[in-house]
């Protein structure tokens, strides 16, 4: 295998403006990227998966060879993007109420992504943790109680309190 066929060499060529290098990387790893996003998004719509994969590919130029292969790195990026989209989606549904439960407008959810991340950054650390555990990791209230050493029935109270704090910050 020549130096120009390794993923690392292709990334360098892509950085230098060689679009065909990106095309080769995409052809090699696109299925893995989509699969990683799909697994991270589980029951979310396909357009969420596509957007997570696309966001991961936009970061391809940021890859630095090191402990991870390009494939491991790019699929990790897809999982991270999907988790962020999933968290934004779930929080938007919870903050907005039943209108989004009937039919979520994905473009609104995606546009709200940065706002949701800003919202989370502005919440107390405990509130942020409870929301992530419930809506990102999908933990049940009893699992949240176990992980955080809370009394029975306290998990639901903490998540509800965190949602109330989030609603206050966005004016709902």
C-alpha atoms as a PDB file:
ATOM      1  CA  UNK A   1       0.000   0.000   0.000  1.00  0.00           C
ATOM      2  CA  UNK A   2       1.523   3.340  -0.971  1.00  0.00           C
ATOM      3  CA  UNK A   3       1.591   6.271   1.421  1.00  0.00           C
ATOM      4  CA  UNK A   4      -1.195   7.969  -0.539  1.00  0.00           C
ATOM      5  CA  UNK A   5      -3.677   5.198   0.100  1.00  0.00           C
ATOM      6  CA  UNK A   6      -3.595   5.265   3.885  1.00  0.00           C
ATOM      7  CA  UNK A   7      -6.382   7.159   5.601  1.00  0.00           C
ATOM      8  CA  UNK A   8      -3.858   9.475   7.218  1.00  0.00           C
ATOM      9  CA  UNK A   9      -2.333  10.357   3.850  1.00  0.00           C
ATOM     10  CA  UNK A  10      -5.789  10.884   2.375  1.00  0.00           C
ATOM     11  CA  UNK A  11      -6.684  13.301   5.191  1.00  0.00           C
ATOM     12  CA  UNK A  12      -3.483  15.247   4.494  1.00  0.00           C
ATOM     13  CA  UNK A  13      -4.313  15.384   0.794  1.00  0.00           C
ATOM     14  CA  UNK A  14      -7.855  16.508   1.614  1.00  0.00           C
ATOM     15  CA  UNK A  15      -6.466  19.305   3.824  1.00  0.00           C
ATOM     16  CA  UNK A  16      -4.323  20.369   0.880  1.00  0.00           C
ATOM     17  CA  UNK A  17      -7.448  20.690  -1.282  1.00  0.00           C
ATOM     18  CA  UNK A  18      -7.634  17.312  -3.012  1.00  0.00           C
ATOM     19  CA  UNK A  19     -11.386  16.607  -3.162  1.00  0.00           C
ATOM     20  CA  UNK A  20     -10.806  13.118  -4.531  1.00  0.00           C
ATOM     21  CA  UNK A  21      -9.037  12.214  -1.282  1.00  0.00           C
ATOM     22  CA  UNK A  22     -12.217  13.038   0.626  1.00  0.00           C
ATOM     23  CA  UNK A  23     -14.246  10.995  -1.846  1.00  0.00           C
ATOM     24  CA  UNK A  24     -12.007   7.992  -1.171  1.00  0.00           C
ATOM     25  CA  UNK A  25     -12.310   8.396   2.622  1.00  0.00           C
ATOM     26  CA  UNK A  26     -16.069   8.767   2.291  1.00  0.00           C
ATOM     27  CA  UNK A  27     -16.370   5.640   0.138  1.00  0.00           C
ATOM     28  CA  UNK A  28     -14.269   3.647   2.615  1.00  0.00           C
ATOM     29  CA  UNK A  29     -15.974   4.687   5.824  1.00  0.00           C
ATOM     30  CA  UNK A  30     -19.440   6.084   5.120  1.00  0.00           C
ATOM     31  CA  UNK A  31     -21.287   2.867   6.027  1.00  0.00           C
ATOM     32  CA  UNK A  32     -19.432   2.670   9.355  1.00  0.00           C
ATOM     33  CA  UNK A  33     -20.180   6.310  10.125  1.00  0.00           C
ATOM     34  CA  UNK A  34     -23.909   5.923   9.417  1.00  0.00           C
ATOM     35  CA  UNK A  35     -24.027   2.685  11.401  1.00  0.00           C
ATOM     36  CA  UNK A  36     -22.370   4.329  14.417  1.00  0.00           C
ATOM     37  CA  UNK A  37     -24.799   7.257  14.284  1.00  0.00           C
ATOM     38  CA  UNK A  38     -27.771   4.901  13.917  1.00  0.00           C
ATOM     39  CA  UNK A  39     -26.716   2.840  16.949  1.00  0.00           C
ATOM     40  CA  UNK A  40     -26.211   5.989  19.024  1.00  0.00           C
ATOM     41  CA  UNK A  41     -29.597   7.379  17.935  1.00  0.00           C
ATOM     42  CA  UNK A  42     -31.539   4.138  18.302  1.00  0.00           C
ATOM     43  CA  UNK A  43     -35.187   5.058  17.769  1.00  0.00           C
ATOM     44  CA  UNK A  44     -34.696   8.524  16.251  1.00  0.00           C
ATOM     45  CA  UNK A  45     -35.740   9.350  12.669  1.00  0.00           C
ATOM     46  CA  UNK A  46     -33.405   8.612   9.769  1.00  0.00           C
ATOM     47  CA  UNK A  47     -32.848  12.297   8.998  1.00  0.00           C
ATOM     48  CA  UNK A  48     -31.313  12.681  12.468  1.00  0.00           C
ATOM     49  CA  UNK A  49     -28.886   9.879  11.613  1.00  0.00           C
ATOM     50  CA  UNK A  50     -28.034  11.462   8.263  1.00  0.00           C
ATOM     51  CA  UNK A  51     -27.348  14.828   9.885  1.00  0.00           C
ATOM     52  CA  UNK A  52     -25.142  13.279  12.566  1.00  0.00           C
ATOM     53  CA  UNK A  53     -23.148  11.473   9.884  1.00  0.00           C
ATOM     54  CA  UNK A  54     -22.842  14.653   7.833  1.00  0.00           C
ATOM     55  CA  UNK A  55     -21.664  16.612  10.882  1.00  0.00           C
ATOM     56  CA  UNK A  56     -19.033  13.949  11.549  1.00  0.00           C
ATOM     57  CA  UNK A  57     -17.787  14.174   7.941  1.00  0.00           C
ATOM     58  CA  UNK A  58     -17.491  17.942   8.261  1.00  0.00           C
ATOM     59  CA  UNK A  59     -14.936  17.292  10.994  1.00  0.00           C
ATOM     60  CA  UNK A  60     -12.811  14.953   8.855  1.00  0.00           C
ATOM     61  CA  UNK A  61     -10.272  17.687   8.264  1.00  0.00           C
ATOM     62  CA  UNK A  62      -9.704  17.889  12.042  1.00  0.00           C
ATOM     63  CA  UNK A  63      -8.413  14.316  12.322  1.00  0.00           C
ATOM     64  CA  UNK A  64      -4.946  14.030  13.808  1.00  0.00           C
ATOM     65  CA  UNK A  65      -3.202  10.660  13.593  1.00  0.00           C
ATOM     66  CA  UNK A  66      -2.510   9.268  16.997  1.00  0.00           C
ATOM     67  CA  UNK A  67      -3.957   6.583  19.163  1.00  0.00           C
ATOM     68  CA  UNK A  68      -7.116   6.155  17.047  1.00  0.00           C
ATOM     69  CA  UNK A  69      -7.345   5.060  13.446  1.00  0.00           C
ATOM     70  CA  UNK A  70      -9.291   7.381  11.151  1.00  0.00           C
ATOM     71  CA  UNK A  71     -12.212   4.946  11.064  1.00  0.00           C
ATOM     72  CA  UNK A  72     -12.375   4.731  14.869  1.00  0.00           C
ATOM     73  CA  UNK A  73     -12.095   8.519  15.146  1.00  0.00           C
ATOM     74  CA  UNK A  74     -14.730   9.372  12.508  1.00  0.00           C
ATOM     75  CA  UNK A  75     -17.235   6.841  13.890  1.00  0.00           C
ATOM     76  CA  UNK A  76     -16.644   8.285  17.362  1.00  0.00           C
ATOM     77  CA  UNK A  77     -17.423  11.738  15.931  1.00  0.00           C
ATOM     78  CA  UNK A  78     -20.679  10.370  14.477  1.00  0.00           C
ATOM     79  CA  UNK A  79     -21.684   8.906  17.848  1.00  0.00           C
ATOM     80  CA  UNK A  80     -20.928  12.202  19.611  1.00  0.00           C
ATOM     81  CA  UNK A  81     -22.908  14.182  17.046  1.00  0.00           C
ATOM     82  CA  UNK A  82     -25.851  11.786  17.321  1.00  0.00           C
ATOM     83  CA  UNK A  83     -25.849  12.003  21.103  1.00  0.00           C
ATOM     84  CA  UNK A  84     -25.902  15.792  20.919  1.00  0.00           C
ATOM     85  CA  UNK A  85     -28.757  15.749  18.391  1.00  0.00           C
ATOM     86  CA  UNK A  86     -30.660  13.193  20.491  1.00  0.00           C
ATOM     87  CA  UNK A  87     -30.231  15.244  23.645  1.00  0.00           C
ATOM     88  CA  UNK A  88     -31.383  18.391  21.856  1.00  0.00           C
ATOM     89  CA  UNK A  89     -34.380  16.542  20.420  1.00  0.00           C
ATOM     90  CA  UNK A  90     -35.467  15.050  23.727  1.00  0.00           C
ATOM     91  CA  UNK A  91     -35.037  18.301  25.618  1.00  0.00           C
ATOM     92  CA  UNK A  92     -36.908  20.279  22.959  1.00  0.00           C
ATOM     93  CA  UNK A  93     -39.791  17.822  23.195  1.00  0.00           C
ATOM     94  CA  UNK A  94     -39.817  18.082  26.982  1.00  0.00           C
ATOM     95  CA  UNK A  95     -39.529  21.873  27.018  1.00  0.00           C
ATOM     96  CA  UNK A  96     -42.069  22.549  24.287  1.00  0.00           C
ATOM     97  CA  UNK A  97     -44.655  19.958  25.209  1.00  0.00           C
ATOM     98  CA  UNK A  98     -47.221  18.007  23.243  1.00  0.00           C
ATOM     99  CA  UNK A  99     -46.960  19.939  19.937  1.00  0.00           C
ATOM    100  CA  UNK A 100     -43.539  18.421  19.248  1.00  0.00           C
ATOM    101  CA  UNK A 101     -44.610  15.005  20.473  1.00  0.00           C
ATOM    102  CA  UNK A 102     -47.171  14.836  17.683  1.00  0.00           C
ATOM    103  CA  UNK A 103     -44.690  15.783  14.984  1.00  0.00           C
ATOM    104  CA  UNK A 104     -41.227  17.097  15.684  1.00  0.00           C
ATOM    105  CA  UNK A 105     -39.957  19.621  13.183  1.00  0.00           C
ATOM    106  CA  UNK A 106     -36.391  18.434  12.771  1.00  0.00           C
ATOM    107  CA  UNK A 107     -35.029  21.697  11.375  1.00  0.00           C
ATOM    108  CA  UNK A 108     -36.304  23.517  14.454  1.00  0.00           C
ATOM    109  CA  UNK A 109     -34.723  20.875  16.665  1.00  0.00           C
ATOM    110  CA  UNK A 110     -31.402  21.115  14.853  1.00  0.00           C
ATOM    111  CA  UNK A 111     -31.482  24.905  14.985  1.00  0.00           C
ATOM    112  CA  UNK A 112     -32.167  24.661  18.714  1.00  0.00           C
ATOM    113  CA  UNK A 113     -29.096  22.459  19.228  1.00  0.00           C
ATOM    114  CA  UNK A 114     -26.720  25.255  20.145  1.00  0.00           C
ATOM    115  CA  UNK A 115     -29.408  26.896  22.270  1.00  0.00           C
ATOM    116  CA  UNK A 116     -29.933  23.628  24.148  1.00  0.00           C
ATOM    117  CA  UNK A 117     -26.208  23.248  24.740  1.00  0.00           C
ATOM    118  CA  UNK A 118     -26.086  26.848  25.992  1.00  0.00           C
ATOM    119  CA  UNK A 119     -29.110  26.141  28.173  1.00  0.00           C
ATOM    120  CA  UNK A 120     -27.445  23.085  29.697  1.00  0.00           C
ATOM    121  CA  UNK A 121     -24.245  25.029  30.330  1.00  0.00           C
ATOM    122  CA  UNK A 122     -26.288  27.596  32.262  1.00  0.00           C
ATOM    123  CA  UNK A 123     -27.979  25.068  34.537  1.00  0.00           C
ATOM    124  CA  UNK A 124     -26.556  23.854  37.836  1.00  0.00           C
ATOM    125  CA  UNK A 125     -24.283  20.835  37.365  1.00  0.00           C
ATOM    126  CA  UNK A 126     -26.728  18.468  39.110  1.00  0.00           C
ATOM    127  CA  UNK A 127     -29.652  19.575  36.917  1.00  0.00           C
ATOM    128  CA  UNK A 128     -27.558  19.147  33.781  1.00  0.00           C
ATOM    129  CA  UNK A 129     -26.478  15.668  34.928  1.00  0.00           C
ATOM    130  CA  UNK A 130     -30.056  14.531  35.631  1.00  0.00           C
ATOM    131  CA  UNK A 131     -31.272  15.752  32.231  1.00  0.00           C
ATOM    132  CA  UNK A 132     -28.409  14.023  30.436  1.00  0.00           C
ATOM    133  CA  UNK A 133     -28.993  10.800  32.357  1.00  0.00           C
ATOM    134  CA  UNK A 134     -32.707  10.800  31.546  1.00  0.00           C
ATOM    135  CA  UNK A 135     -32.774  12.084  27.966  1.00  0.00           C
ATOM    136  CA  UNK A 136     -29.336  11.290  26.600  1.00  0.00           C
ATOM    137  CA  UNK A 137     -28.549   8.007  28.304  1.00  0.00           C
ATOM    138  CA  UNK A 138     -32.196   6.941  28.613  1.00  0.00           C
ATOM    139  CA  UNK A 139     -31.936   5.932  32.254  1.00  0.00           C
ATOM    140  CA  UNK A 140     -35.132   5.177  34.151  1.00  0.00           C
ATOM    141  CA  UNK A 141     -35.925   7.169  37.286  1.00  0.00           C
ATOM    142  CA  UNK A 142     -34.898   4.215  39.453  1.00  0.00           C
ATOM    143  CA  UNK A 143     -31.577   3.941  37.593  1.00  0.00           C
ATOM    144  CA  UNK A 144     -30.990   7.676  38.147  1.00  0.00           C
ATOM    145  CA  UNK A 145     -31.683   7.096  41.844  1.00  0.00           C
ATOM    146  CA  UNK A 146     -29.145   4.247  41.946  1.00  0.00           C
ATOM    147  CA  UNK A 147     -26.419   6.087  40.035  1.00  0.00           C
ATOM    148  CA  UNK A 148     -26.779   9.206  42.187  1.00  0.00           C
ATOM    149  CA  UNK A 149     -27.462   7.477  45.528  1.00  0.00           C
ATOM    150  CA  UNK A 150     -30.909   9.055  45.808  1.00  0.00           C
ATOM    151  CA  UNK A 151     -33.857   7.935  47.880  1.00  0.00           C
ATOM    152  CA  UNK A 152     -36.729   6.110  46.130  1.00  0.00           C
ATOM    153  CA  UNK A 153     -39.009   8.450  44.142  1.00  0.00           C
ATOM    154  CA  UNK A 154     -36.318  11.144  44.294  1.00  0.00           C
ATOM    155  CA  UNK A 155     -35.128  10.539  40.697  1.00  0.00           C
ATOM    156  CA  UNK A 156     -38.373  11.741  39.170  1.00  0.00           C
ATOM    157  CA  UNK A 157     -38.397  14.800  41.448  1.00  0.00           C
ATOM    158  CA  UNK A 158     -34.840  15.699  40.437  1.00  0.00           C
ATOM    159  CA  UNK A 159     -35.512  15.326  36.698  1.00  0.00           C
ATOM    160  CA  UNK A 160     -38.750  17.303  37.019  1.00  0.00           C
ATOM    161  CA  UNK A 161     -36.911  19.998  38.960  1.00  0.00           C
ATOM    162  CA  UNK A 162     -34.204  20.145  36.302  1.00  0.00           C
ATOM    163  CA  UNK A 163     -36.844  20.458  33.560  1.00  0.00           C
ATOM    164  CA  UNK A 164     -38.550  23.233  35.522  1.00  0.00           C
ATOM    165  CA  UNK A 165     -35.233  25.075  35.821  1.00  0.00           C
ATOM    166  CA  UNK A 166     -34.659  24.656  32.085  1.00  0.00           C
ATOM    167  CA  UNK A 167     -38.173  25.897  31.293  1.00  0.00           C
ATOM    168  CA  UNK A 168     -37.591  28.949  33.481  1.00  0.00           C
ATOM    169  CA  UNK A 169     -34.405  29.775  31.610  1.00  0.00           C
ATOM    170  CA  UNK A 170     -36.178  29.639  28.227  1.00  0.00           C
ATOM    171  CA  UNK A 171     -39.251  31.503  29.465  1.00  0.00           C
ATOM    172  CA  UNK A 172     -41.876  28.704  29.269  1.00  0.00           C
END
